[in-house]
C-alpha atoms as a PDB file:
ATOM      1  CA  MET A   1     -22.396  -4.961 -23.104  1.00  0.00           C
ATOM      2  CA  TYR A   2     -19.079  -3.085 -23.248  1.00  0.00           C
ATOM      3  CA  ASN A   3     -18.826   0.398 -24.696  1.00  0.00           C
ATOM      4  CA  SER A   4     -15.500   1.604 -26.088  1.00  0.00           C
ATOM      5  CA  TRP A   5     -14.536   3.221 -22.752  1.00  0.00           C
ATOM      6  CA  ASP A   6     -15.192  -0.059 -20.884  1.00  0.00           C
ATOM      7  CA  LEU A   7     -13.206  -1.990 -23.485  1.00  0.00           C
ATOM      8  CA  ASP A   8     -10.272   0.447 -23.295  1.00  0.00           C
ATOM      9  CA  LEU A   9     -10.280   0.185 -19.502  1.00  0.00           C
ATOM     10  CA  SER A  10     -10.418  -3.605 -19.546  1.00  0.00           C
ATOM     11  CA  ASP A  11      -7.704  -3.831 -22.215  1.00  0.00           C
ATOM     12  CA  SER A  12      -5.416  -1.351 -20.451  1.00  0.00           C
ATOM     13  CA  VAL A  13      -5.676  -3.336 -17.201  1.00  0.00           C
ATOM     14  CA  LYS A  14      -4.732  -6.501 -19.143  1.00  0.00           C
ATOM     15  CA  ALA A  15      -1.803  -4.755 -20.848  1.00  0.00           C
ATOM     16  CA  LEU A  16      -0.360  -3.274 -17.658  1.00  0.00           C
ATOM     17  CA  SER A  17      -0.833  -6.549 -15.781  1.00  0.00           C
ATOM     18  CA  LYS A  18       1.685  -8.097 -18.214  1.00  0.00           C
ATOM     19  CA  ILE A  19       4.397  -5.713 -16.992  1.00  0.00           C
ATOM     20  CA  LYS A  20       3.204  -5.061 -13.423  1.00  0.00           C
ATOM     21  CA  ASP A  21       5.767  -7.339 -11.794  1.00  0.00           C
ATOM     22  CA  SER A  22       8.591  -7.071 -14.352  1.00  0.00           C
ATOM     23  CA  ILE A  23       8.885  -3.566 -15.869  1.00  0.00           C
ATOM     24  CA  LEU A  24       6.836  -1.337 -13.545  1.00  0.00           C
ATOM     25  CA  PRO A  25       9.058  -1.975 -10.490  1.00  0.00           C
ATOM     26  CA  LYS A  26      12.004  -0.614 -12.513  1.00  0.00           C
ATOM     27  CA  LEU A  27      10.144   2.691 -12.844  1.00  0.00           C
ATOM     28  CA  ILE A  28       8.144   2.861  -9.610  1.00  0.00           C
ATOM     29  CA  SER A  29       9.469   0.882  -6.667  1.00  0.00           C
ATOM     30  CA  GLY A  30       7.165  -0.946  -4.294  1.00  0.00           C
ATOM     31  CA  LYS A  31       4.129  -3.112  -4.831  1.00  0.00           C
ATOM     32  CA  ILE A  32       1.608  -1.901  -7.418  1.00  0.00           C
ATOM     33  CA  HIS A  33      -2.110  -2.517  -6.777  1.00  0.00           C
ATOM     34  CA  CYS A  34      -4.729  -2.067  -9.504  1.00  0.00           C
ATOM     35  CA  ILE A  35      -7.882  -0.338  -8.286  1.00  0.00           C
ATOM     36  CA  GLU A  36      -9.761  -0.551 -11.572  1.00  0.00           C
ATOM     37  CA  ASN A  37     -12.706  -2.971 -11.604  1.00  0.00           C
ATOM     38  CA  THR A  38     -13.141  -2.837  -7.839  1.00  0.00           C
ATOM     39  CA  GLU A  39     -16.338  -2.806  -5.803  1.00  0.00           C
ATOM     40  CA  ASN A  40     -14.756  -0.853  -2.923  1.00  0.00           C
ATOM     41  CA  GLU A  41     -16.517   2.510  -2.591  1.00  0.00           C
ATOM     42  CA  VAL A  42     -13.432   4.453  -1.447  1.00  0.00           C
ATOM     43  CA  LEU A  43     -11.272   3.049  -4.256  1.00  0.00           C
ATOM     44  CA  ILE A  44     -14.003   3.898  -6.766  1.00  0.00           C
ATOM     45  CA  LEU A  45     -13.984   7.494  -5.446  1.00  0.00           C
ATOM     46  CA  LEU A  46     -10.186   7.686  -5.778  1.00  0.00           C
ATOM     47  CA  ASP A  47     -10.503   6.546  -9.388  1.00  0.00           C
ATOM     48  CA  ARG A  48     -13.475   8.676 -10.432  1.00  0.00           C
ATOM     49  CA  LEU A  49     -12.727  11.886  -8.540  1.00  0.00           C
ATOM     50  CA  SER A  50      -8.944  11.847  -8.272  1.00  0.00           C
ATOM     51  CA  GLY A  51      -7.852  10.006 -11.425  1.00  0.00           C
ATOM     52  CA  ILE A  52      -6.010   7.297  -9.473  1.00  0.00           C
ATOM     53  CA  ASP A  53      -5.911   3.974 -11.341  1.00  0.00           C
ATOM     54  CA  TYR A  54      -3.231   2.163  -9.332  1.00  0.00           C
ATOM     55  CA  ILE A  55      -1.812   2.413  -5.822  1.00  0.00           C
ATOM     56  CA  ARG A  56       1.893   2.144  -5.080  1.00  0.00           C
ATOM     57  CA  GLU A  57       2.688   0.603  -1.712  1.00  0.00           C
ATOM     58  CA  ASN A  58       6.137   0.874  -0.142  1.00  0.00           C
ATOM     59  CA  LYS A  59       7.562   1.075   3.383  1.00  0.00           C
ATOM     60  CA  GLN A  60       6.721   4.799   3.654  1.00  0.00           C
ATOM     61  CA  GLY A  61       3.063   4.468   2.661  1.00  0.00           C
ATOM     62  CA  LEU A  62       0.755   4.671  -0.326  1.00  0.00           C
ATOM     63  CA  GLN A  63       0.760   6.833  -3.470  1.00  0.00           C
ATOM     64  CA  GLY A  64      -1.578   7.009  -6.447  1.00  0.00           C
ATOM     65  CA  ILE A  65      -0.744   6.414 -10.094  1.00  0.00           C
ATOM     66  CA  ALA A  66      -2.684   7.641 -13.126  1.00  0.00           C
ATOM     67  CA  ALA A  67      -2.225   5.356 -16.123  1.00  0.00           C
ATOM     68  CA  ARG A  68      -2.843   5.857 -19.832  1.00  0.00           C
ATOM     69  CA  VAL A  69      -2.324   3.022 -22.295  1.00  0.00           C
ATOM     70  CA  GLN A  70      -2.333   3.223 -26.082  1.00  0.00           C
ATOM     71  CA  TRP A  71      -1.820   0.610 -28.779  1.00  0.00           C
ATOM     72  CA  GLY A  72      -0.272   0.663 -32.223  1.00  0.00           C
ATOM     73  CA  ASN A  73       2.439   3.309 -32.282  1.00  0.00           C
ATOM     74  CA  ALA A  74       4.848   4.411 -29.590  1.00  0.00           C
ATOM     75  CA  TYR A  75       4.355   8.166 -29.688  1.00  0.00           C
ATOM     76  CA  ASN A  76       6.481   8.524 -26.528  1.00  0.00           C
ATOM     77  CA  THR A  77       4.459  11.397 -25.130  1.00  0.00           C
ATOM     78  CA  PHE A  78       2.466  12.297 -22.067  1.00  0.00           C
ATOM     79  CA  THR A  79      -0.994  13.192 -23.329  1.00  0.00           C
ATOM     80  CA  ILE A  80      -3.493  15.255 -21.342  1.00  0.00           C
ATOM     81  CA  ARG A  81      -7.108  15.910 -22.354  1.00  0.00           C
ATOM     82  CA  SER A  82      -7.468  19.703 -22.482  1.00  0.00           C
ATOM     83  CA  GLU A  83     -10.983  20.207 -23.848  1.00  0.00           C
ATOM     84  CA  ARG A  84     -14.047  17.969 -24.143  1.00  0.00           C
ATOM     85  CA  TYR A  85     -16.619  18.404 -26.851  1.00  0.00           C
ATOM     86  CA  THR A  86     -19.256  18.041 -24.082  1.00  0.00           C
ATOM     87  CA  GLY A  87     -17.817  21.005 -22.199  1.00  0.00           C
ATOM     88  CA  SER A  88     -17.338  18.974 -19.004  1.00  0.00           C
ATOM     89  CA  LYS A  89     -14.166  19.379 -16.935  1.00  0.00           C
ATOM     90  CA  THR A  90     -11.034  17.938 -18.455  1.00  0.00           C
ATOM     91  CA  GLU A  91      -8.146  16.039 -16.975  1.00  0.00           C
ATOM     92  CA  LEU A  92      -6.057  19.220 -17.292  1.00  0.00           C
ATOM     93  CA  GLU A  93      -8.552  21.362 -15.369  1.00  0.00           C
ATOM     94  CA  LYS A  94      -9.188  18.749 -12.690  1.00  0.00           C
ATOM     95  CA  ARG A  95      -5.518  17.986 -12.048  1.00  0.00           C
ATOM     96  CA  LEU A  96      -4.474  21.655 -11.871  1.00  0.00           C
ATOM     97  CA  GLU A  97      -7.291  22.338  -9.411  1.00  0.00           C
ATOM     98  CA  GLN A  98      -6.511  19.244  -7.303  1.00  0.00           C
ATOM     99  CA  ILE A  99      -2.844  20.189  -7.030  1.00  0.00           C
ATOM    100  CA  GLU A 100      -3.566  23.849  -6.262  1.00  0.00           C
ATOM    101  CA  LYS A 101      -6.273  23.195  -3.665  1.00  0.00           C
ATOM    102  CA  GLY A 102      -4.727  20.186  -1.928  1.00  0.00           C
ATOM    103  CA  TYR A 103      -7.139  17.484  -3.056  1.00  0.00           C
ATOM    104  CA  PHE A 104      -6.109  13.883  -3.746  1.00  0.00           C
ATOM    105  CA  TYR A 105      -4.402  13.410  -7.087  1.00  0.00           C
ATOM    106  CA  PRO A 106      -2.073  10.738  -8.453  1.00  0.00           C
ATOM    107  CA  GLU A 107       1.530  11.214  -7.342  1.00  0.00           C
ATOM    108  CA  PHE A 108       2.692   9.612 -10.589  1.00  0.00           C
ATOM    109  CA  THR A 109       1.482   9.781 -14.179  1.00  0.00           C
ATOM    110  CA  LEU A 110       2.312   6.786 -16.346  1.00  0.00           C
ATOM    111  CA  GLN A 111       1.925   6.506 -20.117  1.00  0.00           C
ATOM    112  CA  ALA A 112       2.521   3.195 -21.894  1.00  0.00           C
ATOM    113  CA  TYR A 113       2.466   2.099 -25.515  1.00  0.00           C
ATOM    114  CA  PHE A 114       1.823  -1.499 -26.586  1.00  0.00           C
ATOM    115  CA  ASP A 115       1.906  -3.157 -30.004  1.00  0.00           C
ATOM    116  CA  ASN A 116      -1.726  -4.343 -30.097  1.00  0.00           C
ATOM    117  CA  ARG A 117      -4.578  -5.468 -27.871  1.00  0.00           C
ATOM    118  CA  LYS A 118      -4.077  -9.145 -28.691  1.00  0.00           C
ATOM    119  CA  TYR A 119      -0.434  -9.574 -27.661  1.00  0.00           C
ATOM    120  CA  ASN A 120       0.194  -6.492 -25.502  1.00  0.00           C
ATOM    121  CA  ASN A 121       3.924  -6.407 -26.145  1.00  0.00           C
ATOM    122  CA  LEU A 122       5.334  -3.291 -24.516  1.00  0.00           C
ATOM    123  CA  LEU A 123       6.839  -0.760 -26.921  1.00  0.00           C
ATOM    124  CA  SER A 124       7.641   1.959 -24.378  1.00  0.00           C
ATOM    125  CA  ILE A 125       6.587   3.354 -21.038  1.00  0.00           C
ATOM    126  CA  ALA A 126       7.445   6.425 -18.983  1.00  0.00           C
ATOM    127  CA  VAL A 127       6.565   7.751 -15.548  1.00  0.00           C
ATOM    128  CA  ILE A 128       6.684  11.302 -14.209  1.00  0.00           C
ATOM    129  CA  ARG A 129       5.595  12.890 -10.975  1.00  0.00           C
ATOM    130  CA  THR A 130       2.195  14.403 -11.739  1.00  0.00           C
ATOM    131  CA  LYS A 131       2.956  17.728 -10.061  1.00  0.00           C
ATOM    132  CA  GLU A 132       6.102  18.119 -12.178  1.00  0.00           C
ATOM    133  CA  LEU A 133       4.152  17.435 -15.377  1.00  0.00           C
ATOM    134  CA  TYR A 134       1.456  20.002 -14.599  1.00  0.00           C
ATOM    135  CA  ASN A 135       3.923  22.592 -13.264  1.00  0.00           C
ATOM    136  CA  LEU A 136       5.831  22.125 -16.502  1.00  0.00           C
ATOM    137  CA  TYR A 137       2.652  22.925 -18.417  1.00  0.00           C
ATOM    138  CA  LYS A 138       2.037  26.067 -16.331  1.00  0.00           C
ATOM    139  CA  GLU A 139       5.652  27.283 -16.532  1.00  0.00           C
ATOM    140  CA  ASN A 140       6.633  26.126 -20.056  1.00  0.00           C
ATOM    141  CA  PRO A 141       3.464  25.709 -22.123  1.00  0.00           C
ATOM    142  CA  ASP A 142       5.465  26.188 -25.333  1.00  0.00           C
ATOM    143  CA  ILE A 143       6.983  22.670 -25.056  1.00  0.00           C
ATOM    144  CA  PHE A 144       3.469  21.167 -25.245  1.00  0.00           C
ATOM    145  CA  GLN A 145       1.796  20.581 -28.578  1.00  0.00           C
ATOM    146  CA  LYS A 146      -1.913  20.343 -29.355  1.00  0.00           C
ATOM    147  CA  ASN A 147      -3.816  17.506 -30.988  1.00  0.00           C
ATOM    148  CA  LYS A 148      -7.458  16.867 -31.685  1.00  0.00           C
ATOM    149  CA  SER A 149      -9.464  13.675 -31.935  1.00  0.00           C
ATOM    150  CA  ASP A 150     -12.961  13.502 -30.485  1.00  0.00           C
ATOM    151  CA  ASN A 151     -11.611  15.872 -27.794  1.00  0.00           C
ATOM    152  CA  ASP A 152      -8.655  18.264 -27.626  1.00  0.00           C
ATOM    153  CA  PHE A 153      -5.355  17.120 -26.141  1.00  0.00           C
ATOM    154  CA  ILE A 154      -2.026  18.615 -25.271  1.00  0.00           C
ATOM    155  CA  PHE A 155       1.081  16.488 -25.220  1.00  0.00           C
ATOM    156  CA  VAL A 156       4.754  16.694 -24.459  1.00  0.00           C
ATOM    157  CA  ARG A 157       7.375  14.424 -25.987  1.00  0.00           C
ATOM    158  CA  TRP A 158       9.447  12.417 -23.538  1.00  0.00           C
ATOM    159  CA  HIS A 159      12.764  13.435 -25.072  1.00  0.00           C
ATOM    160  CA  LYS A 160      12.012  17.078 -24.235  1.00  0.00           C
ATOM    161  CA  ILE A 161      11.701  16.287 -20.521  1.00  0.00           C
ATOM    162  CA  LYS A 162      14.005  13.277 -20.180  1.00  0.00           C
ATOM    163  CA  ASN A 163      15.573  14.632 -16.977  1.00  0.00           C
ATOM    164  CA  LEU A 164      12.142  14.503 -15.259  1.00  0.00           C
ATOM    165  CA  ILE A 165      11.047  10.995 -16.259  1.00  0.00           C
ATOM    166  CA  LYS A 166      11.905   7.362 -15.887  1.00  0.00           C
ATOM    167  CA  SER A 167      11.369   5.403 -19.069  1.00  0.00           C
ATOM    168  CA  TYR A 168      11.740   1.921 -20.522  1.00  0.00           C
ATOM    169  CA  TYR A 169      11.737   0.852 -24.152  1.00  0.00           C
ATOM    170  CA  GLY A 170      10.713  -2.721 -25.022  1.00  0.00           C
END
């Protein structure tokens, strides 16, 4: 039985698989490997503890990618969970700590917007180096806005940081 988190994960893998060989290479060169839905213990650790959903392979080596997929509207933002109603550590806290203390973290952060879960037509996608995104938050928090759903989020609009990102609009 799927819960909503399992369904979102499964649907996001399906959505990104539609553009993995066509659009993604325009934003992140190299071969992209999905590590979601794996049985490999090390890959599971990279996903759960480091937030790495995909691995980029090129001639120089391997790098991690964090991916967030949403459906419906193209908000064209990078969204970061900043507070959980449960009080557990957030993406913001974990990533800042990983970067500061030298732990594994995704080299790239990707956010993609698709029309719906049935057709998965890409509306827009952008990629940024994770360290740049989180340094931006530390150095220029005023360009981030806050939003609340079941948890609290901060987000930054792509047009405000267009010199730091690679983007594609479907």
